[in-house]
């Protein structure tokens, strides 16, 4: 059996479910060979509680691993990618791939006031640098779980066998606010709802059009332009805060919309935001010339759970971001599977040892990031259409 030594970068929520899923991977002898993160106490607690060796830095961990799994905050992704790539390691990188975080150490930076054309230019330079650094023949897995959700993979299967043409799509991720205490600050998060939430459904839409093109004509159908609007609803002067929705947003949007036009003239729309109660709301709907599909990621409606008193279920996990346990709840039977996390990690590990290309790869990560920052420029221009830039071949 092939053996693969994996090092985790980060000690937060993403690292936690990556470790859980990696320990369920089959067919490969996965060795969790190390973990590192910026804060000594976090990496020590994470590693010791999960029996994983702890390293003071990625540089110190590199010689002990074959694959680097980057689960750190987005602002740290690029540095980790470049270090691992320059060492010839396989890579898994959580979403979003990277972004614009302002001048280093500038605590006065406000993303909502920074010119978005300059932001887009600088992001494209970062993407070019990442693309040039990744070692040919090494795995680059873009950890976008939407791609691997069973519902979306079923739609991919339908496309492959029916050779259908997607005419339009609609996708969304919304809930009542992020887990991260620094999510509302652009220089840590790289933006708000468009990148923090919109990267998920947008990647799914881009992926399905890539698959359609490859199945029918042998080449992906890529995004060519985007129209977008963003809003800061919880910062409105008239917002009535009832304490159910997070409001600590410094300089990011809490609601966004993107309208994407593809090279074949077909379209996709993405809705994303932080102002939705009742748990995470994730779906992709496809309108094709020979079928229609509603892909539900959360809630999945596999289990309906009723509790007359919510405190009876205080120790029971129901679903991510659920606001109340009283009454009927759409309980998640296994979010690692229904949300695509388990299949995602299985695909990446298989690809690392076989050399096969993953379903969610670097090309998809680059297109997603470029489209989002083109969308920020469109939003700054009150919804004017903006071309999605393409990396230069040089």
Protein backbone atom coordinates (compact mmCIF):
# COMPACT_ATOMS: atom_id res chain seq x y z
CA UNK A 1 0.00 0.00 0.00
CA UNK A 2 1.29 3.47 -0.87
CA UNK A 3 2.29 5.64 2.08
CA UNK A 4 1.88 9.42 2.20
CA UNK A 5 3.20 11.66 4.97
CA UNK A 6 0.98 14.71 5.43
CA UNK A 7 1.72 17.95 7.26
CA UNK A 8 -1.09 20.25 8.34
CA UNK A 9 -0.66 24.04 8.33
CA UNK A 10 -3.22 25.62 10.66
CA UNK A 11 -4.96 24.55 13.84
CA UNK A 12 -8.51 25.82 13.41
CA UNK A 13 -11.84 24.53 12.17
CA UNK A 14 -10.62 23.54 8.69
CA UNK A 15 -7.62 21.66 10.08
CA UNK A 16 -9.94 19.79 12.44
CA UNK A 17 -12.22 18.40 9.75
CA UNK A 18 -9.28 17.71 7.41
CA UNK A 19 -7.71 15.51 10.07
CA UNK A 20 -11.02 13.72 10.70
CA UNK A 21 -11.46 13.03 6.97
CA UNK A 22 -7.83 12.06 6.35
CA UNK A 23 -8.15 9.41 9.03
CA UNK A 24 -11.04 7.88 7.11
CA UNK A 25 -9.22 7.76 3.74
CA UNK A 26 -8.85 4.22 2.35
CA UNK A 27 -6.41 2.64 -0.12
CA UNK A 28 -3.43 4.74 0.99
CA UNK A 29 -1.44 4.57 4.21
CA UNK A 30 -1.93 8.16 5.38
CA UNK A 31 0.53 9.29 8.02
CA UNK A 32 -0.30 12.54 9.81
CA UNK A 33 3.33 13.50 10.16
CA UNK A 34 3.10 17.03 11.50
CA UNK A 35 1.13 20.15 12.28
CA UNK A 36 2.19 23.76 12.58
CA UNK A 37 0.47 27.09 13.06
CA UNK A 38 1.41 30.65 13.94
CA UNK A 39 0.52 30.48 17.64
CA UNK A 40 2.58 28.02 19.75
CA UNK A 41 -0.25 27.23 22.16
CA UNK A 42 -2.70 26.47 19.33
CA UNK A 43 -0.42 24.10 17.42
CA UNK A 44 0.67 22.37 20.62
CA UNK A 45 -2.89 21.78 21.82
CA UNK A 46 -4.04 20.67 18.36
CA UNK A 47 -1.16 18.25 17.85
CA UNK A 48 -1.09 16.76 21.33
CA UNK A 49 -4.85 16.16 21.45
CA UNK A 50 -4.70 14.34 18.10
CA UNK A 51 -1.32 12.62 18.56
CA UNK A 52 0.31 14.50 15.67
CA UNK A 53 3.94 15.72 15.86
CA UNK A 54 4.15 19.49 16.34
CA UNK A 55 6.57 21.75 14.46
CA UNK A 56 7.46 25.38 15.10
CA UNK A 57 7.18 26.33 11.41
CA UNK A 58 6.38 25.03 7.96
CA UNK A 59 10.08 25.25 7.08
CA UNK A 60 10.88 22.89 9.96
CA UNK A 61 8.13 20.47 8.95
CA UNK A 62 8.88 20.26 5.21
CA UNK A 63 11.58 17.57 5.31
CA UNK A 64 9.26 15.28 7.27
CA UNK A 65 6.27 15.34 4.87
CA UNK A 66 5.36 14.50 1.27
CA UNK A 67 2.20 16.61 1.15
CA UNK A 68 1.41 19.98 2.72
CA UNK A 69 -2.23 20.59 3.60
CA UNK A 70 -2.77 24.35 4.03
CA UNK A 71 -5.66 25.08 6.40
CA UNK A 72 -4.36 28.42 7.66
CA UNK A 73 -6.27 31.73 7.30
CA UNK A 74 -6.42 33.02 3.69
CA UNK A 75 -3.89 35.80 4.26
CA UNK A 76 -1.21 33.16 4.98
CA UNK A 77 -1.99 30.87 2.03
CA UNK A 78 0.36 32.35 -0.55
CA UNK A 79 3.45 32.16 1.66
CA UNK A 80 2.71 28.52 2.53
CA UNK A 81 2.00 27.59 -1.09
CA UNK A 82 5.27 29.07 -2.31
CA UNK A 83 7.35 27.41 0.42
CA UNK A 84 5.83 23.98 -0.18
CA UNK A 85 5.89 24.28 -3.96
CA UNK A 86 9.54 25.32 -4.00
CA UNK A 87 10.30 22.15 -2.02
CA UNK A 88 8.47 20.02 -4.58
CA UNK A 89 5.73 18.93 -2.19
CA UNK A 90 2.21 17.91 -3.07
CA UNK A 91 -0.28 20.60 -2.02
CA UNK A 92 -3.82 20.82 -0.72
CA UNK A 93 -5.03 24.39 -0.17
CA UNK A 94 -8.25 25.45 1.52
CA UNK A 95 -10.50 28.02 -0.12
CA UNK A 96 -10.30 30.83 -0.88
CA UNK A 97 -6.97 30.26 -2.64
CA UNK A 98 -5.58 33.72 -1.88
CA UNK A 99 -6.64 37.35 -2.21
CA UNK A 100 -5.73 40.95 -1.54
CA UNK A 101 -5.01 41.80 2.09
CA UNK A 102 -3.58 45.31 1.87
CA UNK A 103 -0.11 46.57 2.75
CA UNK A 104 1.66 44.38 5.30
CA UNK A 105 1.18 45.44 8.93
CA UNK A 106 -0.96 48.45 7.95
CA UNK A 107 -3.73 48.43 10.56
CA UNK A 108 -5.33 51.54 9.01
CA UNK A 109 -6.04 49.74 5.72
CA UNK A 110 -9.71 49.61 4.70
CA UNK A 111 -10.61 47.25 1.89
CA UNK A 112 -13.92 48.96 1.21
CA UNK A 113 -12.04 52.20 0.39
CA UNK A 114 -9.17 50.71 -1.64
CA UNK A 115 -9.34 51.05 -5.47
CA UNK A 116 -10.57 47.73 -6.80
CA UNK A 117 -8.73 48.00 -10.15
CA UNK A 118 -5.42 48.07 -8.25
CA UNK A 119 -6.66 45.25 -6.04
CA UNK A 120 -7.49 43.10 -9.08
CA UNK A 121 -4.08 43.80 -10.66
CA UNK A 122 -2.25 42.79 -7.51
CA UNK A 123 -4.32 39.63 -7.10
CA UNK A 124 -3.54 38.62 -10.69
CA UNK A 125 0.17 39.08 -9.96
CA UNK A 126 -0.19 36.78 -6.95
CA UNK A 127 -2.03 34.18 -9.00
CA UNK A 128 0.67 34.34 -11.67
CA UNK A 129 3.33 33.78 -9.00
CA UNK A 130 1.47 30.80 -7.54
CA UNK A 131 0.87 29.23 -10.95
CA UNK A 132 4.55 29.58 -11.86
CA UNK A 133 5.72 28.08 -8.56
CA UNK A 134 3.62 24.90 -8.52
CA UNK A 135 5.74 21.91 -9.47
CA UNK A 136 4.56 20.08 -12.64
CA UNK A 137 3.47 16.55 -11.83
CA UNK A 138 2.76 17.34 -8.20
CA UNK A 139 -0.77 17.36 -6.79
CA UNK A 140 -2.46 20.71 -6.33
CA UNK A 141 -5.81 20.08 -4.70
CA UNK A 142 -8.07 23.11 -4.32
CA UNK A 143 -10.14 22.19 -1.28
CA UNK A 144 -13.53 23.35 -2.54
CA UNK A 145 -15.94 20.91 -0.95
CA UNK A 146 -18.92 22.04 -3.08
CA UNK A 147 -17.27 20.24 -6.01
CA UNK A 148 -17.31 16.93 -4.15
CA UNK A 149 -20.76 17.11 -2.57
CA UNK A 150 -22.78 14.04 -3.67
CA UNK A 151 -25.53 16.24 -5.13
CA UNK A 152 -23.12 18.15 -7.35
CA UNK A 153 -21.25 15.02 -8.41
CA UNK A 154 -24.57 13.53 -9.49
CA UNK A 155 -25.14 16.54 -11.74
CA UNK A 156 -21.64 16.10 -13.16
CA UNK A 157 -22.52 12.49 -13.94
CA UNK A 158 -25.74 13.59 -15.69
CA UNK A 159 -23.79 16.09 -17.79
CA UNK A 160 -21.19 13.53 -18.75
CA UNK A 161 -23.64 10.90 -19.93
CA UNK A 162 -26.29 13.16 -21.48
CA UNK A 163 -23.89 15.69 -23.07
CA UNK A 164 -26.34 18.36 -21.95
CA UNK A 165 -25.83 22.08 -22.44
CA UNK A 166 -26.13 24.22 -19.32
CA UNK A 167 -28.02 27.40 -20.16
CA UNK A 168 -28.09 29.02 -16.75
CA UNK A 169 -27.23 28.20 -13.15
CA UNK A 170 -28.03 29.60 -9.71
CA UNK A 171 -25.97 28.96 -6.58
CA UNK A 172 -25.91 30.27 -3.03
CA UNK A 173 -24.12 30.08 0.29
CA UNK A 174 -25.61 32.13 3.09
CA UNK A 175 -25.87 31.97 6.87
CA UNK A 176 -25.80 34.25 9.91
CA UNK A 177 -22.08 35.05 10.01
CA UNK A 178 -18.62 33.48 10.09
CA UNK A 179 -16.99 31.55 12.95
CA UNK A 180 -13.76 33.55 12.63
CA UNK A 181 -13.36 36.59 14.91
CA UNK A 182 -11.29 38.40 12.23
CA UNK A 183 -13.57 37.60 9.30
CA UNK A 184 -15.00 41.14 9.26
CA UNK A 185 -11.59 42.70 8.63
CA UNK A 186 -10.47 42.82 4.98
CA UNK A 187 -6.74 42.59 5.68
CA UNK A 188 -7.29 39.17 7.28
CA UNK A 189 -10.12 37.80 5.12
CA UNK A 190 -9.43 39.35 1.70
CA UNK A 191 -12.99 40.63 1.46
CA UNK A 192 -16.45 39.73 2.69
CA UNK A 193 -19.33 37.69 1.37
CA UNK A 194 -18.20 37.55 -2.26
CA UNK A 195 -14.98 35.76 -1.40
CA UNK A 196 -15.76 34.23 1.99
CA UNK A 197 -19.06 32.67 0.94
CA UNK A 198 -19.28 33.21 -2.82
CA UNK A 199 -16.15 31.20 -3.56
CA UNK A 200 -18.14 28.02 -2.87
CA UNK A 201 -21.11 28.24 -5.24
CA UNK A 202 -19.04 30.17 -7.81
CA UNK A 203 -16.46 27.37 -7.96
CA UNK A 204 -19.28 24.86 -8.40
CA UNK A 205 -20.72 26.80 -11.34
CA UNK A 206 -17.31 27.22 -12.96
CA UNK A 207 -16.58 23.52 -12.41
CA UNK A 208 -19.80 22.35 -14.09
CA UNK A 209 -19.15 24.52 -17.15
CA UNK A 210 -15.58 23.20 -17.30
CA UNK A 211 -16.92 19.65 -17.19
CA UNK A 212 -19.57 20.38 -19.84
CA UNK A 213 -17.00 21.77 -22.25
CA UNK A 214 -14.54 18.93 -21.71
CA UNK A 215 -17.23 16.26 -22.18
CA UNK A 216 -18.66 17.82 -25.33
CA UNK A 217 -15.73 19.53 -27.08
CA UNK A 218 -12.57 18.51 -25.22
CA UNK A 219 -11.89 21.91 -23.66
CA UNK A 220 -13.32 23.77 -20.65
CA UNK A 221 -15.85 26.59 -20.98
CA UNK A 222 -14.44 29.45 -18.93
CA UNK A 223 -15.92 32.66 -17.47
CA UNK A 224 -15.35 35.79 -19.57
CA UNK A 225 -17.15 38.56 -17.64
CA UNK A 226 -18.89 39.31 -14.37
CA UNK A 227 -21.40 41.83 -13.05
CA UNK A 228 -21.71 42.27 -9.28
CA UNK A 229 -23.19 44.28 -6.41
CA UNK A 230 -22.27 44.23 -2.73
CA UNK A 231 -24.02 45.62 0.36
CA UNK A 232 -23.30 46.16 4.06
CA UNK A 233 -26.81 45.50 5.39
CA UNK A 234 -25.89 45.13 9.07
CA UNK A 235 -24.06 48.48 8.96
CA UNK A 236 -27.11 50.40 7.73
CA UNK A 237 -28.05 53.18 10.12
CA UNK A 238 -31.57 51.78 10.35
CA UNK A 239 -30.57 48.16 10.98
CA UNK A 240 -32.49 46.75 13.97
CA UNK A 241 -30.14 44.30 15.68
CA UNK A 242 -32.01 41.44 17.41
CA UNK A 243 -28.74 39.61 18.24
CA UNK A 244 -29.41 36.64 15.94
CA UNK A 245 -27.11 37.78 13.10
CA UNK A 246 -23.45 38.66 13.46
CA UNK A 247 -22.73 42.37 12.94
CA UNK A 248 -19.01 42.87 13.70
CA UNK A 249 -17.93 43.77 10.17
CA UNK A 250 -15.27 46.45 9.94
CA UNK A 251 -14.76 47.05 6.21
CA UNK A 252 -16.35 44.14 4.32
CA UNK A 253 -19.71 43.47 2.69
CA UNK A 254 -22.23 41.14 4.31
CA UNK A 255 -24.29 40.53 1.16
CA UNK A 256 -23.26 40.04 -2.46
CA UNK A 257 -24.40 38.94 -5.90
CA UNK A 258 -22.43 37.91 -9.00
CA UNK A 259 -23.69 37.40 -12.56
CA UNK A 260 -21.18 35.45 -14.65
CA UNK A 261 -21.16 35.16 -18.45
CA UNK A 262 -19.30 32.20 -19.92
CA UNK A 263 -17.41 31.97 -23.21
CA UNK A 264 -20.38 30.24 -24.89
CA UNK A 265 -22.79 33.02 -23.83
CA UNK A 266 -24.51 31.02 -21.08
CA UNK A 267 -24.82 32.44 -17.57
CA UNK A 268 -24.60 31.75 -13.86
CA UNK A 269 -25.74 33.72 -10.81
CA UNK A 270 -24.32 33.54 -7.30
CA UNK A 271 -26.05 34.85 -4.15
CA UNK A 272 -24.09 35.06 -0.95
CA UNK A 273 -24.45 36.66 2.44
CA UNK A 274 -24.31 36.74 6.22
CA UNK A 275 -27.94 37.65 6.95
CA UNK A 276 -29.75 34.28 6.72
CA UNK A 277 -31.03 32.47 9.82
CA UNK A 278 -31.76 28.78 10.22
CA UNK A 279 -28.38 27.24 9.44
CA UNK A 280 -26.18 27.21 6.37
CA UNK A 281 -28.13 27.57 3.12
CA UNK A 282 -26.18 25.92 0.29
CA UNK A 283 -27.50 24.85 -3.11
CA UNK A 284 -26.79 24.83 -6.83
CA UNK A 285 -29.58 24.75 -9.40
CA UNK A 286 -28.89 23.86 -13.03
CA UNK A 287 -31.10 24.66 -16.02
CA UNK A 288 -29.90 22.70 -19.04
CA UNK A 289 -31.30 22.06 -22.51
CA UNK A 290 -32.15 18.44 -21.62
CA UNK A 291 -32.61 18.40 -17.84
CA UNK A 292 -32.95 20.45 -14.66
CA UNK A 293 -31.24 19.69 -11.36
CA UNK A 294 -31.61 21.01 -7.80
CA UNK A 295 -28.44 20.14 -5.91
CA UNK A 296 -28.95 20.54 -2.15
CA UNK A 297 -25.88 20.63 0.05
CA UNK A 298 -27.37 22.05 3.25
CA UNK A 299 -29.97 21.40 4.41
CA UNK A 300 -30.23 18.04 2.67
CA UNK A 301 -33.61 17.05 4.14
CA UNK A 302 -32.39 13.54 4.94
CA UNK A 303 -33.39 13.79 8.61
CA UNK A 304 -36.17 15.93 10.10
CA UNK A 305 -35.77 16.21 13.87
CA UNK A 306 -38.42 17.61 16.23
CA UNK A 307 -37.70 18.84 19.77
CA UNK A 308 -40.36 20.60 21.87
CA UNK A 309 -37.60 22.02 24.11
CA UNK A 310 -34.34 23.06 22.48
CA UNK A 311 -32.21 22.58 25.59
CA UNK A 312 -32.90 18.84 25.37
CA UNK A 313 -30.51 18.77 22.38
CA UNK A 314 -27.80 21.07 23.72
CA UNK A 315 -25.23 18.26 23.57
CA UNK A 316 -26.33 17.02 20.14
CA UNK A 317 -24.89 18.34 16.89
CA UNK A 318 -27.74 19.25 14.52
CA UNK A 319 -26.20 21.20 11.64
CA UNK A 320 -23.71 24.01 11.20
CA UNK A 321 -25.02 27.49 12.09
CA UNK A 322 -28.46 26.32 13.24
CA UNK A 323 -30.04 29.18 15.18
CA UNK A 324 -32.39 27.19 17.42
CA UNK A 325 -32.99 23.56 18.34
CA UNK A 326 -36.68 24.02 19.16
CA UNK A 327 -39.33 22.67 16.79
CA UNK A 328 -38.41 20.94 13.55
CA UNK A 329 -34.75 20.98 12.46
CA UNK A 330 -33.11 19.58 9.29
CA UNK A 331 -30.52 17.47 11.10
CA UNK A 332 -27.36 16.60 9.19
CA UNK A 333 -26.61 12.85 9.28
CA UNK A 334 -22.95 13.25 8.23
CA UNK A 335 -21.81 16.66 6.99
CA UNK A 336 -18.37 15.33 6.14
CA UNK A 337 -20.09 13.35 3.38
CA UNK A 338 -23.09 15.51 2.38
CA UNK A 339 -20.92 18.65 2.17
CA UNK A 340 -18.20 16.85 0.18
CA UNK A 341 -15.30 17.00 2.62
CA UNK A 342 -14.66 13.26 2.82
CA UNK A 343 -14.78 12.65 -0.93
CA UNK A 344 -12.62 15.73 -1.49
CA UNK A 345 -9.77 14.44 0.68
CA UNK A 346 -10.09 10.92 -0.75
CA UNK A 347 -9.72 12.29 -4.29
CA UNK A 348 -6.70 14.41 -3.37
CA UNK A 349 -4.87 11.54 -1.67
CA UNK A 350 -5.61 9.15 -4.56
CA UNK A 351 -4.33 11.75 -7.04
CA UNK A 352 -1.15 12.34 -5.05
CA UNK A 353 -0.15 8.68 -5.32
CA UNK A 354 -1.44 7.98 -8.86
CA UNK A 355 -0.61 11.24 -10.62
CA UNK A 356 -4.22 11.67 -11.72
CA UNK A 357 -5.64 15.21 -11.90
CA UNK A 358 -8.11 16.06 -9.13
CA UNK A 359 -11.67 17.19 -9.81
CA UNK A 360 -10.91 20.49 -8.05
CA UNK A 361 -7.52 21.72 -9.21
CA UNK A 362 -5.31 24.78 -9.54
CA UNK A 363 -6.96 25.94 -12.78
CA UNK A 364 -10.34 26.10 -11.05
CA UNK A 365 -8.84 27.93 -8.06
CA UNK A 366 -7.24 30.54 -10.34
CA UNK A 367 -10.47 31.16 -12.29
CA UNK A 368 -12.53 31.43 -9.10
CA UNK A 369 -10.18 33.97 -7.53
CA UNK A 370 -9.87 36.08 -10.69
CA UNK A 371 -13.65 36.12 -11.14
CA UNK A 372 -14.28 37.23 -7.55
CA UNK A 373 -11.88 40.16 -7.68
CA UNK A 374 -13.24 41.19 -11.08
CA UNK A 375 -16.63 41.12 -9.31
CA UNK A 376 -15.32 43.49 -6.63
CA UNK A 377 -14.32 45.91 -9.38
CA UNK A 378 -17.79 45.60 -10.93
CA UNK A 379 -19.43 46.27 -7.56
CA UNK A 380 -17.30 49.38 -7.10
CA UNK A 381 -18.60 50.52 -10.51
CA UNK A 382 -22.23 49.93 -9.39
CA UNK A 383 -22.68 46.78 -11.46
CA UNK A 384 -20.82 47.56 -14.68
CA UNK A 385 -19.65 44.48 -16.56
CA UNK A 386 -15.98 43.62 -16.05
CA UNK A 387 -13.90 41.14 -18.04
CA UNK A 388 -12.46 38.21 -16.08
CA UNK A 389 -8.68 38.46 -16.63
CA UNK A 390 -6.66 35.47 -17.82
CA UNK A 391 -3.16 34.64 -16.63
CA UNK A 392 -0.44 35.33 -19.16
CA UNK A 393 1.28 32.31 -20.70
CA UNK A 394 4.74 33.69 -20.03
